[in-house]
Amino acid sequence: MRMVGILAVAAMAFWAEPDYGQAAQGGPPAVPSAPTDKAVYFPNSDLQSIWKDLETRQVLNRRLLEGGAYSINIRIVKPTDAPLVHAKSLDIWLISAGSATAVTGGKLLSVKKRSNSDDAAGTSITGGIEQPLKAGDVLYVPPGVPHGFKDIQGFRALEDRFEPGWQCIRGVAGEAPIGRQTPLGLQIGGTGLG
């Protein structure tokens, strides 16, 4: 549990800068790379604006920072979202608003592998453990553990994803293997968090 706390604090230290990077012509803002030489601050007012924009456009996810072997994402979870299992990556969910019941573990039913990642989606989870979540809670989901949400009421979370090759010993990130490609096709070419 201490490690989850350390990772959550580390994630908060790496929110994107207020300008988020330059937007492509007519597209979403560019995803900034996570800095390795400084901490960055992401004000709550900016997070709230992003959530409002996502809800208006009916978009469920926006990546705030890309670190190759790790990423920080703003997530809106809807009742229609399929439960997932990640073969190699782990998630840390920092619940910031609303409530939901997380269903974790057990068996993912009617599994379909997603072609662009190490994820598999299912129709439901049987035999899982249910845990009510509310603002301020943290949920840690290791690789290979099915997870989904139900009883969703205005649920918003910051999701930190750590891919294979990211190492954390005593809260300090190590180097990711150079030249390894993540499931999203991103090339990793150096250190993680520094």
N, C-alpha and C. Protein backbone atom coordinates (compact mmCIF):
# COMPACT_ATOMS: atom_id res chain seq x y z
N MET A 1 0.83 -1.19 0.00
CA MET A 1 0.00 0.00 0.00
C MET A 1 0.87 1.25 0.00
N ARG A 2 2.03 1.18 0.67
CA ARG A 2 2.95 2.31 0.69
C ARG A 2 3.37 2.66 -0.74
N MET A 3 3.61 1.63 -1.57
CA MET A 3 4.03 1.87 -2.96
C MET A 3 2.94 2.59 -3.73
N VAL A 4 1.67 2.22 -3.51
CA VAL A 4 0.57 2.89 -4.20
C VAL A 4 0.55 4.36 -3.82
N GLY A 5 0.77 4.66 -2.53
CA GLY A 5 0.80 6.05 -2.08
C GLY A 5 1.94 6.82 -2.73
N ILE A 6 3.11 6.18 -2.81
CA ILE A 6 4.26 6.83 -3.44
C ILE A 6 3.98 7.09 -4.90
N LEU A 7 3.39 6.10 -5.59
CA LEU A 7 3.09 6.28 -7.01
C LEU A 7 2.06 7.36 -7.22
N ALA A 8 1.06 7.43 -6.34
CA ALA A 8 0.03 8.47 -6.47
C ALA A 8 0.63 9.85 -6.29
N VAL A 9 1.50 10.01 -5.30
CA VAL A 9 2.16 11.30 -5.09
C VAL A 9 3.04 11.64 -6.28
N ALA A 10 3.77 10.65 -6.78
CA ALA A 10 4.63 10.88 -7.95
C ALA A 10 3.80 11.32 -9.15
N ALA A 11 2.64 10.69 -9.33
CA ALA A 11 1.78 11.04 -10.46
C ALA A 11 1.31 12.48 -10.34
N MET A 12 0.95 12.89 -9.14
CA MET A 12 0.48 14.27 -8.96
C MET A 12 1.58 15.28 -9.25
N ALA A 13 2.82 14.89 -9.04
CA ALA A 13 3.94 15.80 -9.30
C ALA A 13 4.19 15.99 -10.78
N PHE A 14 3.60 15.15 -11.63
CA PHE A 14 3.90 15.18 -13.06
C PHE A 14 2.73 15.63 -13.93
N TRP A 15 1.77 16.39 -13.40
CA TRP A 15 0.67 16.87 -14.24
C TRP A 15 1.25 17.80 -15.29
N ALA A 16 0.55 17.88 -16.39
CA ALA A 16 1.04 18.70 -17.53
C ALA A 16 1.06 20.18 -17.19
N GLU A 17 1.86 20.91 -17.93
CA GLU A 17 1.91 22.36 -17.78
C GLU A 17 0.59 22.94 -18.28
N PRO A 18 0.21 24.13 -17.81
CA PRO A 18 -1.09 24.69 -18.17
C PRO A 18 -1.36 24.82 -19.65
N ASP A 19 -0.35 24.96 -20.50
CA ASP A 19 -0.62 25.14 -21.92
C ASP A 19 -0.76 23.81 -22.67
N TYR A 20 -0.47 22.68 -22.06
CA TYR A 20 -0.64 21.31 -22.56
C TYR A 20 0.10 21.03 -23.86
N GLY A 21 0.84 21.90 -24.39
CA GLY A 21 1.49 21.68 -25.69
C GLY A 21 0.70 22.36 -26.80
N GLN A 22 1.23 22.37 -27.97
CA GLN A 22 0.57 23.03 -29.09
C GLN A 22 -0.45 22.10 -29.74
N ALA A 23 -1.59 22.63 -30.06
CA ALA A 23 -2.63 21.85 -30.71
C ALA A 23 -2.32 21.71 -32.19
N ALA A 24 -2.66 20.54 -32.73
CA ALA A 24 -2.58 20.36 -34.18
C ALA A 24 -3.71 21.18 -34.79
N GLN A 25 -3.56 21.58 -36.02
CA GLN A 25 -4.56 22.42 -36.68
C GLN A 25 -5.92 21.73 -36.63
N GLY A 26 -6.85 22.27 -35.82
CA GLY A 26 -8.19 21.74 -35.73
C GLY A 26 -8.32 20.46 -34.92
N GLY A 27 -7.25 19.94 -34.36
CA GLY A 27 -7.29 18.70 -33.60
C GLY A 27 -7.11 18.93 -32.12
N PRO A 28 -7.05 17.84 -31.35
CA PRO A 28 -6.85 17.97 -29.92
C PRO A 28 -5.43 18.44 -29.62
N PRO A 29 -5.20 18.99 -28.42
CA PRO A 29 -3.87 19.44 -28.06
C PRO A 29 -2.86 18.28 -28.13
N ALA A 30 -1.63 18.63 -28.48
CA ALA A 30 -0.57 17.63 -28.50
C ALA A 30 -0.34 17.14 -27.08
N VAL A 31 0.00 15.87 -26.94
CA VAL A 31 0.27 15.31 -25.62
C VAL A 31 1.71 15.63 -25.26
N PRO A 32 1.90 16.36 -24.16
CA PRO A 32 3.27 16.71 -23.79
C PRO A 32 4.02 15.50 -23.24
N SER A 33 5.31 15.48 -23.49
CA SER A 33 6.17 14.46 -22.91
C SER A 33 6.41 14.80 -21.45
N ALA A 34 6.48 13.77 -20.62
CA ALA A 34 6.75 13.99 -19.21
C ALA A 34 8.18 14.49 -19.06
N PRO A 35 8.37 15.61 -18.36
CA PRO A 35 9.73 16.13 -18.20
C PRO A 35 10.55 15.23 -17.29
N THR A 36 11.84 15.26 -17.50
CA THR A 36 12.75 14.49 -16.65
C THR A 36 13.62 15.39 -15.80
N ASP A 37 13.52 16.72 -16.02
CA ASP A 37 14.40 17.64 -15.32
C ASP A 37 13.67 18.62 -14.40
N LYS A 38 12.34 18.48 -14.29
CA LYS A 38 11.58 19.39 -13.44
C LYS A 38 10.23 18.78 -13.10
N ALA A 39 9.66 19.28 -12.03
CA ALA A 39 8.28 18.92 -11.68
C ALA A 39 7.36 19.88 -12.42
N VAL A 40 6.16 19.45 -12.69
CA VAL A 40 5.18 20.33 -13.32
C VAL A 40 3.91 20.34 -12.48
N TYR A 41 3.16 21.39 -12.64
CA TYR A 41 1.96 21.62 -11.85
C TYR A 41 0.77 21.68 -12.78
N PHE A 42 -0.30 21.04 -12.40
CA PHE A 42 -1.53 21.06 -13.19
C PHE A 42 -2.67 21.50 -12.27
N PRO A 43 -3.11 22.76 -12.35
CA PRO A 43 -4.13 23.27 -11.44
C PRO A 43 -5.47 22.54 -11.58
N ASN A 44 -6.16 22.41 -10.47
CA ASN A 44 -7.46 21.77 -10.47
C ASN A 44 -8.42 22.46 -11.43
N SER A 45 -8.33 23.78 -11.55
CA SER A 45 -9.23 24.50 -12.47
C SER A 45 -9.03 24.02 -13.91
N ASP A 46 -7.78 23.70 -14.29
CA ASP A 46 -7.53 23.17 -15.63
C ASP A 46 -8.12 21.77 -15.79
N LEU A 47 -7.96 20.94 -14.75
CA LEU A 47 -8.55 19.59 -14.79
C LEU A 47 -10.07 19.68 -14.98
N GLN A 48 -10.70 20.56 -14.22
CA GLN A 48 -12.16 20.71 -14.32
C GLN A 48 -12.57 21.17 -15.71
N SER A 49 -11.81 22.06 -16.31
CA SER A 49 -12.10 22.52 -17.68
C SER A 49 -11.97 21.37 -18.68
N ILE A 50 -10.95 20.55 -18.50
CA ILE A 50 -10.77 19.40 -19.41
C ILE A 50 -11.93 18.44 -19.26
N TRP A 51 -12.32 18.12 -18.02
CA TRP A 51 -13.46 17.21 -17.83
C TRP A 51 -14.72 17.77 -18.48
N LYS A 52 -14.97 19.05 -18.28
CA LYS A 52 -16.16 19.67 -18.87
C LYS A 52 -16.12 19.54 -20.40
N ASP A 53 -14.96 19.81 -20.99
CA ASP A 53 -14.79 19.68 -22.44
C ASP A 53 -15.02 18.24 -22.89
N LEU A 54 -14.45 17.27 -22.17
CA LEU A 54 -14.64 15.86 -22.54
C LEU A 54 -16.11 15.47 -22.48
N GLU A 55 -16.78 15.89 -21.42
CA GLU A 55 -18.20 15.56 -21.28
C GLU A 55 -19.02 16.19 -22.40
N THR A 56 -18.72 17.44 -22.73
CA THR A 56 -19.44 18.13 -23.81
C THR A 56 -19.28 17.40 -25.14
N ARG A 57 -18.04 16.95 -25.41
CA ARG A 57 -17.74 16.27 -26.67
C ARG A 57 -17.97 14.76 -26.60
N GLN A 58 -18.42 14.25 -25.45
CA GLN A 58 -18.66 12.81 -25.25
C GLN A 58 -17.39 11.99 -25.51
N VAL A 59 -16.26 12.49 -24.99
CA VAL A 59 -14.98 11.80 -25.09
C VAL A 59 -14.64 11.27 -23.71
N LEU A 60 -14.16 10.03 -23.63
CA LEU A 60 -13.94 9.39 -22.33
C LEU A 60 -12.53 9.50 -21.79
N ASN A 61 -11.56 9.87 -22.62
CA ASN A 61 -10.18 9.85 -22.15
C ASN A 61 -9.36 10.96 -22.81
N ARG A 62 -8.48 11.55 -22.04
CA ARG A 62 -7.50 12.47 -22.59
C ARG A 62 -6.17 12.24 -21.87
N ARG A 63 -5.14 12.00 -22.65
CA ARG A 63 -3.81 11.79 -22.09
C ARG A 63 -3.22 13.14 -21.72
N LEU A 64 -2.77 13.27 -20.47
CA LEU A 64 -2.15 14.51 -20.00
C LEU A 64 -0.65 14.52 -20.22
N LEU A 65 -0.01 13.41 -19.93
CA LEU A 65 1.43 13.28 -20.09
C LEU A 65 1.77 11.93 -20.67
N GLU A 66 2.77 11.90 -21.52
CA GLU A 66 3.25 10.65 -22.10
C GLU A 66 4.70 10.47 -21.68
N GLY A 67 4.96 9.37 -21.00
CA GLY A 67 6.32 9.10 -20.55
C GLY A 67 6.89 7.85 -21.16
N GLY A 68 6.29 7.34 -22.25
CA GLY A 68 6.78 6.12 -22.87
C GLY A 68 6.28 4.89 -22.14
N ALA A 69 6.90 4.58 -21.01
CA ALA A 69 6.51 3.40 -20.23
C ALA A 69 5.42 3.74 -19.22
N TYR A 70 5.00 4.97 -19.14
CA TYR A 70 3.93 5.37 -18.23
C TYR A 70 3.17 6.53 -18.85
N SER A 71 1.94 6.71 -18.43
CA SER A 71 1.15 7.84 -18.90
C SER A 71 0.18 8.26 -17.81
N ILE A 72 -0.29 9.50 -17.90
CA ILE A 72 -1.30 10.01 -16.99
C ILE A 72 -2.47 10.46 -17.85
N ASN A 73 -3.67 10.00 -17.49
CA ASN A 73 -4.86 10.21 -18.30
C ASN A 73 -6.01 10.74 -17.46
N ILE A 74 -6.82 11.60 -18.06
CA ILE A 74 -8.09 11.99 -17.45
C ILE A 74 -9.13 11.03 -18.00
N ARG A 75 -9.89 10.40 -17.09
CA ARG A 75 -10.86 9.39 -17.52
C ARG A 75 -12.25 9.72 -17.00
N ILE A 76 -13.21 9.55 -17.86
CA ILE A 76 -14.61 9.57 -17.49
C ILE A 76 -15.11 8.15 -17.76
N VAL A 77 -15.68 7.53 -16.75
CA VAL A 77 -16.17 6.16 -16.89
C VAL A 77 -17.69 6.20 -17.03
N LYS A 78 -18.18 5.51 -18.04
CA LYS A 78 -19.63 5.44 -18.31
C LYS A 78 -20.14 4.03 -18.03
N PRO A 79 -21.42 3.89 -17.75
CA PRO A 79 -21.98 2.56 -17.49
C PRO A 79 -21.82 1.58 -18.66
N THR A 80 -21.66 2.10 -19.86
CA THR A 80 -21.52 1.22 -21.04
C THR A 80 -20.08 0.77 -21.29
N ASP A 81 -19.11 1.28 -20.51
CA ASP A 81 -17.71 0.87 -20.68
C ASP A 81 -17.54 -0.60 -20.32
N ALA A 82 -16.89 -1.33 -21.21
CA ALA A 82 -16.66 -2.76 -20.98
C ALA A 82 -15.59 -2.97 -19.91
N PRO A 83 -15.72 -4.03 -19.12
CA PRO A 83 -14.62 -4.37 -18.21
C PRO A 83 -13.41 -4.82 -19.02
N LEU A 84 -12.22 -4.58 -18.47
CA LEU A 84 -10.98 -4.86 -19.18
C LEU A 84 -10.02 -5.71 -18.35
N VAL A 85 -9.03 -6.23 -19.04
CA VAL A 85 -7.86 -6.81 -18.39
C VAL A 85 -6.67 -6.40 -19.25
N HIS A 86 -5.60 -5.94 -18.60
CA HIS A 86 -4.36 -5.57 -19.31
C HIS A 86 -3.35 -6.68 -19.04
N ALA A 87 -2.81 -7.27 -20.10
CA ALA A 87 -1.88 -8.38 -19.94
C ALA A 87 -0.60 -7.96 -19.24
N LYS A 88 -0.11 -6.76 -19.55
CA LYS A 88 1.20 -6.36 -19.04
C LYS A 88 1.23 -5.04 -18.30
N SER A 89 0.25 -4.19 -18.47
CA SER A 89 0.30 -2.88 -17.84
C SER A 89 -0.54 -2.84 -16.57
N LEU A 90 -0.18 -1.91 -15.68
CA LEU A 90 -0.95 -1.74 -14.45
C LEU A 90 -1.55 -0.35 -14.45
N ASP A 91 -2.66 -0.21 -13.72
CA ASP A 91 -3.38 1.05 -13.60
C ASP A 91 -3.43 1.49 -12.15
N ILE A 92 -3.31 2.79 -11.94
CA ILE A 92 -3.61 3.39 -10.65
C ILE A 92 -4.68 4.44 -10.92
N TRP A 93 -5.83 4.28 -10.29
CA TRP A 93 -6.95 5.19 -10.46
C TRP A 93 -7.03 6.10 -9.24
N LEU A 94 -6.98 7.41 -9.46
CA LEU A 94 -7.13 8.41 -8.41
C LEU A 94 -8.50 9.03 -8.61
N ILE A 95 -9.46 8.66 -7.76
CA ILE A 95 -10.84 9.09 -7.95
C ILE A 95 -10.96 10.55 -7.50
N SER A 96 -11.46 11.40 -8.41
CA SER A 96 -11.53 12.82 -8.10
C SER A 96 -12.95 13.35 -7.94
N ALA A 97 -13.95 12.63 -8.45
CA ALA A 97 -15.33 13.09 -8.32
C ALA A 97 -16.28 11.92 -8.49
N GLY A 98 -17.47 12.08 -7.94
CA GLY A 98 -18.51 11.08 -8.11
C GLY A 98 -18.24 9.80 -7.35
N SER A 99 -18.91 8.74 -7.78
CA SER A 99 -18.76 7.45 -7.13
C SER A 99 -19.02 6.34 -8.13
N ALA A 100 -18.55 5.15 -7.78
CA ALA A 100 -18.78 3.95 -8.58
C ALA A 100 -18.40 2.75 -7.71
N THR A 101 -18.76 1.59 -8.16
CA THR A 101 -18.31 0.37 -7.52
C THR A 101 -17.35 -0.31 -8.48
N ALA A 102 -16.10 -0.50 -8.03
CA ALA A 102 -15.12 -1.22 -8.83
C ALA A 102 -15.35 -2.71 -8.65
N VAL A 103 -15.29 -3.46 -9.73
CA VAL A 103 -15.36 -4.92 -9.69
C VAL A 103 -14.02 -5.40 -10.22
N THR A 104 -13.24 -6.06 -9.37
CA THR A 104 -11.89 -6.48 -9.74
C THR A 104 -11.68 -7.96 -9.45
N GLY A 105 -10.74 -8.56 -10.18
CA GLY A 105 -10.46 -9.97 -9.99
C GLY A 105 -11.51 -10.82 -10.67
N GLY A 106 -11.62 -12.05 -10.26
CA GLY A 106 -12.59 -12.94 -10.86
C GLY A 106 -12.22 -13.29 -12.29
N LYS A 107 -13.25 -13.58 -13.08
CA LYS A 107 -13.05 -14.00 -14.47
C LYS A 107 -13.79 -13.06 -15.41
N LEU A 108 -13.08 -12.60 -16.43
CA LEU A 108 -13.67 -11.76 -17.47
C LEU A 108 -14.40 -12.67 -18.46
N LEU A 109 -15.68 -12.38 -18.74
CA LEU A 109 -16.49 -13.22 -19.61
C LEU A 109 -16.52 -12.66 -21.03
N SER A 110 -16.66 -13.56 -22.00
CA SER A 110 -16.74 -13.21 -23.43
C SER A 110 -15.59 -12.30 -23.84
N VAL A 111 -14.38 -12.75 -23.57
CA VAL A 111 -13.17 -11.96 -23.78
C VAL A 111 -12.88 -11.78 -25.27
N LYS A 112 -12.57 -10.53 -25.65
CA LYS A 112 -12.14 -10.21 -27.00
C LYS A 112 -10.89 -9.36 -26.91
N LYS A 113 -9.80 -9.84 -27.48
CA LYS A 113 -8.53 -9.13 -27.49
C LYS A 113 -8.65 -7.88 -28.35
N ARG A 114 -8.14 -6.77 -27.85
CA ARG A 114 -8.11 -5.53 -28.64
C ARG A 114 -6.86 -5.56 -29.51
N SER A 115 -7.01 -5.18 -30.75
CA SER A 115 -5.91 -5.31 -31.72
C SER A 115 -4.79 -4.30 -31.53
N ASN A 116 -5.07 -3.16 -30.91
CA ASN A 116 -4.06 -2.10 -30.83
C ASN A 116 -3.34 -2.02 -29.47
N SER A 117 -3.53 -3.01 -28.59
CA SER A 117 -2.92 -2.93 -27.27
C SER A 117 -2.84 -4.31 -26.63
N ASP A 118 -2.38 -4.33 -25.38
CA ASP A 118 -2.34 -5.59 -24.64
C ASP A 118 -3.65 -5.83 -23.89
N ASP A 119 -4.66 -5.02 -24.17
CA ASP A 119 -5.95 -5.11 -23.48
C ASP A 119 -6.84 -6.18 -24.08
N ALA A 120 -7.71 -6.68 -23.24
CA ALA A 120 -8.83 -7.51 -23.68
C ALA A 120 -10.06 -6.97 -22.97
N ALA A 121 -11.18 -6.95 -23.67
CA ALA A 121 -12.44 -6.47 -23.11
C ALA A 121 -13.39 -7.65 -22.97
N GLY A 122 -14.33 -7.52 -22.06
CA GLY A 122 -15.32 -8.56 -21.86
C GLY A 122 -16.69 -7.96 -21.67
N THR A 123 -17.67 -8.84 -21.49
CA THR A 123 -19.03 -8.36 -21.27
C THR A 123 -19.33 -8.14 -19.80
N SER A 124 -18.64 -8.90 -18.93
CA SER A 124 -18.84 -8.76 -17.49
C SER A 124 -17.74 -9.53 -16.75
N ILE A 125 -17.75 -9.39 -15.45
CA ILE A 125 -16.81 -10.10 -14.59
C ILE A 125 -17.62 -10.97 -13.65
N THR A 126 -17.25 -12.23 -13.53
CA THR A 126 -17.91 -13.12 -12.57
C THR A 126 -16.91 -13.47 -11.47
N GLY A 127 -17.40 -13.51 -10.24
CA GLY A 127 -16.55 -13.89 -9.12
C GLY A 127 -15.58 -12.81 -8.67
N GLY A 128 -15.80 -11.57 -9.10
CA GLY A 128 -14.91 -10.48 -8.71
C GLY A 128 -15.27 -9.92 -7.35
N ILE A 129 -14.39 -9.07 -6.85
CA ILE A 129 -14.60 -8.40 -5.57
C ILE A 129 -15.12 -7.00 -5.86
N GLU A 130 -16.17 -6.59 -5.15
CA GLU A 130 -16.76 -5.27 -5.33
C GLU A 130 -16.25 -4.32 -4.26
N GLN A 131 -15.83 -3.13 -4.69
CA GLN A 131 -15.31 -2.11 -3.77
C GLN A 131 -15.91 -0.76 -4.13
N PRO A 132 -16.74 -0.18 -3.23
CA PRO A 132 -17.26 1.16 -3.51
C PRO A 132 -16.12 2.17 -3.55
N LEU A 133 -16.20 3.11 -4.50
CA LEU A 133 -15.20 4.16 -4.65
C LEU A 133 -15.87 5.52 -4.60
N LYS A 134 -15.16 6.48 -4.02
CA LYS A 134 -15.64 7.86 -3.97
C LYS A 134 -14.44 8.79 -4.12
N ALA A 135 -14.71 10.07 -4.27
CA ALA A 135 -13.63 11.06 -4.45
C ALA A 135 -12.61 10.92 -3.32
N GLY A 136 -11.33 10.91 -3.70
CA GLY A 136 -10.24 10.79 -2.74
C GLY A 136 -9.69 9.38 -2.63
N ASP A 137 -10.43 8.38 -3.12
CA ASP A 137 -9.96 6.99 -3.06
C ASP A 137 -8.95 6.70 -4.16
N VAL A 138 -8.15 5.67 -3.95
CA VAL A 138 -7.17 5.21 -4.94
C VAL A 138 -7.41 3.73 -5.18
N LEU A 139 -7.43 3.32 -6.46
CA LEU A 139 -7.57 1.92 -6.83
C LEU A 139 -6.34 1.49 -7.61
N TYR A 140 -5.69 0.43 -7.17
CA TYR A 140 -4.51 -0.13 -7.84
C TYR A 140 -4.93 -1.42 -8.52
N VAL A 141 -4.65 -1.54 -9.83
CA VAL A 141 -5.01 -2.75 -10.59
C VAL A 141 -3.75 -3.28 -11.27
N PRO A 142 -3.21 -4.41 -10.78
CA PRO A 142 -2.00 -4.96 -11.39
C PRO A 142 -2.29 -5.63 -12.74
N PRO A 143 -1.24 -5.91 -13.51
CA PRO A 143 -1.43 -6.60 -14.79
C PRO A 143 -2.16 -7.94 -14.58
N GLY A 144 -3.01 -8.28 -15.54
CA GLY A 144 -3.70 -9.57 -15.51
C GLY A 144 -4.95 -9.63 -14.65
N VAL A 145 -5.31 -8.53 -13.99
CA VAL A 145 -6.48 -8.52 -13.11
C VAL A 145 -7.64 -7.83 -13.83
N PRO A 146 -8.73 -8.57 -14.07
CA PRO A 146 -9.91 -7.94 -14.69
C PRO A 146 -10.44 -6.81 -13.80
N HIS A 147 -10.94 -5.75 -14.45
CA HIS A 147 -11.50 -4.64 -13.69
C HIS A 147 -12.55 -3.91 -14.52
N GLY A 148 -13.57 -3.48 -13.83
CA GLY A 148 -14.65 -2.73 -14.44
C GLY A 148 -15.38 -1.95 -13.36
N PHE A 149 -16.38 -1.18 -13.77
CA PHE A 149 -17.09 -0.32 -12.83
C PHE A 149 -18.59 -0.44 -13.05
N LYS A 150 -19.35 -0.31 -11.97
CA LYS A 150 -20.81 -0.30 -12.04
C LYS A 150 -21.32 0.73 -11.03
N ASP A 151 -22.62 0.94 -11.01
CA ASP A 151 -23.24 1.93 -10.12
C ASP A 151 -22.54 3.28 -10.25
N ILE A 152 -22.32 3.72 -11.46
CA ILE A 152 -21.53 4.90 -11.77
C ILE A 152 -22.38 6.16 -11.63
N GLN A 153 -21.90 7.10 -10.82
CA GLN A 153 -22.58 8.38 -10.60
C GLN A 153 -21.56 9.51 -10.73
N GLY A 154 -21.47 10.14 -11.91
CA GLY A 154 -20.56 11.26 -12.10
C GLY A 154 -19.10 10.93 -11.84
N PHE A 155 -18.71 9.70 -12.13
CA PHE A 155 -17.37 9.18 -11.81
C PHE A 155 -16.30 9.79 -12.72
N ARG A 156 -15.33 10.45 -12.11
CA ARG A 156 -14.17 11.02 -12.80
C ARG A 156 -12.92 10.54 -12.09
N ALA A 157 -11.90 10.22 -12.85
CA ALA A 157 -10.66 9.75 -12.24
C ALA A 157 -9.46 10.17 -13.07
N LEU A 158 -8.33 10.25 -12.41
CA LEU A 158 -7.05 10.38 -13.07
C LEU A 158 -6.48 8.97 -13.08
N GLU A 159 -6.16 8.49 -14.27
CA GLU A 159 -5.66 7.12 -14.41
C GLU A 159 -4.19 7.18 -14.81
N ASP A 160 -3.37 6.56 -13.99
CA ASP A 160 -1.94 6.45 -14.30
C ASP A 160 -1.69 5.03 -14.77
N ARG A 161 -1.11 4.90 -15.95
CA ARG A 161 -0.84 3.59 -16.53
C ARG A 161 0.67 3.39 -16.62
N PHE A 162 1.12 2.24 -16.18
CA PHE A 162 2.53 1.89 -16.22
C PHE A 162 2.69 0.64 -17.06
N GLU A 163 3.49 0.73 -18.10
CA GLU A 163 3.68 -0.34 -19.06
C GLU A 163 4.87 -1.22 -18.65
N PRO A 164 5.04 -2.36 -19.31
CA PRO A 164 6.19 -3.22 -19.02
C PRO A 164 7.49 -2.46 -19.23
N GLY A 165 8.47 -2.77 -18.40
CA GLY A 165 9.76 -2.12 -18.52
C GLY A 165 9.92 -0.95 -17.57
N TRP A 166 8.81 -0.42 -17.05
CA TRP A 166 8.90 0.65 -16.07
C TRP A 166 9.21 0.01 -14.74
N GLN A 167 10.22 0.50 -14.07
CA GLN A 167 10.65 -0.09 -12.81
C GLN A 167 10.52 0.95 -11.71
N CYS A 168 10.11 0.51 -10.55
CA CYS A 168 10.01 1.41 -9.42
C CYS A 168 10.55 0.68 -8.19
N ILE A 169 11.63 1.18 -7.66
CA ILE A 169 12.23 0.60 -6.46
C ILE A 169 12.32 1.70 -5.43
N ARG A 170 11.68 1.49 -4.28
CA ARG A 170 11.65 2.50 -3.22
C ARG A 170 11.16 3.85 -3.74
N GLY A 171 10.22 3.82 -4.68
CA GLY A 171 9.61 5.05 -5.18
C GLY A 171 10.43 5.80 -6.21
N VAL A 172 11.54 5.24 -6.68
CA VAL A 172 12.37 5.92 -7.67
C VAL A 172 12.29 5.14 -8.97
N ALA A 173 11.98 5.82 -10.05
CA ALA A 173 11.84 5.15 -11.34
C ALA A 173 13.20 4.79 -11.90
N GLY A 174 13.27 3.63 -12.54
CA GLY A 174 14.50 3.22 -13.20
C GLY A 174 14.39 3.43 -14.69
N GLU A 175 15.33 2.90 -15.43
CA GLU A 175 15.33 3.08 -16.88
C GLU A 175 14.42 2.06 -17.55
N ALA A 176 13.77 2.51 -18.60
CA ALA A 176 12.99 1.62 -19.43
C ALA A 176 13.91 1.08 -20.51
N PRO A 177 13.71 -0.15 -20.96
CA PRO A 177 14.57 -0.70 -22.00
C PRO A 177 14.53 0.17 -23.26
N ILE A 178 15.69 0.53 -23.77
CA ILE A 178 15.78 1.38 -24.95
C ILE A 178 15.32 0.60 -26.17
N GLY A 179 14.50 1.26 -26.98
CA GLY A 179 14.05 0.65 -28.22
C GLY A 179 12.82 -0.23 -28.08
N ARG A 180 12.29 -0.42 -26.87
CA ARG A 180 11.09 -1.23 -26.71
C ARG A 180 9.88 -0.41 -27.14
N GLN A 181 8.90 -1.06 -27.72
CA GLN A 181 7.71 -0.38 -28.17
C GLN A 181 6.55 -0.75 -27.26
N THR A 182 5.77 0.24 -26.84
CA THR A 182 4.60 -0.01 -26.01
C THR A 182 3.48 -0.57 -26.87
N PRO A 183 2.41 -1.10 -26.23
CA PRO A 183 1.28 -1.61 -27.01
C PRO A 183 0.64 -0.55 -27.89
N LEU A 184 0.81 0.73 -27.56
CA LEU A 184 0.24 1.79 -28.38
C LEU A 184 1.16 2.20 -29.52
N GLY A 185 2.32 1.51 -29.63
CA GLY A 185 3.25 1.80 -30.71
C GLY A 185 4.21 2.92 -30.40
N LEU A 186 4.26 3.37 -29.13
CA LEU A 186 5.16 4.44 -28.76
C LEU A 186 6.55 3.87 -28.48
N GLN A 187 7.55 4.53 -28.97
CA GLN A 187 8.92 4.07 -28.79
C GLN A 187 9.47 4.58 -27.46
N ILE A 188 10.06 3.70 -26.68
CA ILE A 188 10.69 4.09 -25.42
C ILE A 188 12.18 4.19 -25.69
N GLY A 189 12.77 5.29 -25.28
CA GLY A 189 14.16 5.44 -25.62
C GLY A 189 15.02 6.03 -24.52
N GLY A 190 14.73 5.80 -23.27
CA GLY A 190 15.58 6.35 -22.24
C GLY A 190 15.00 6.11 -20.87
N THR A 191 15.22 7.06 -19.99
CA THR A 191 14.79 6.86 -18.61
C THR A 191 13.32 7.16 -18.44
N GLY A 192 12.78 6.61 -17.36
CA GLY A 192 11.39 6.86 -17.00
C GLY A 192 11.26 8.22 -16.35
N LEU A 193 11.02 8.23 -15.06
CA LEU A 193 10.80 9.49 -14.35
C LEU A 193 12.10 10.17 -13.96
N GLY A 194 13.21 9.61 -14.30
CA GLY A 194 14.45 10.31 -14.02
C GLY A 194 15.13 9.72 -12.89
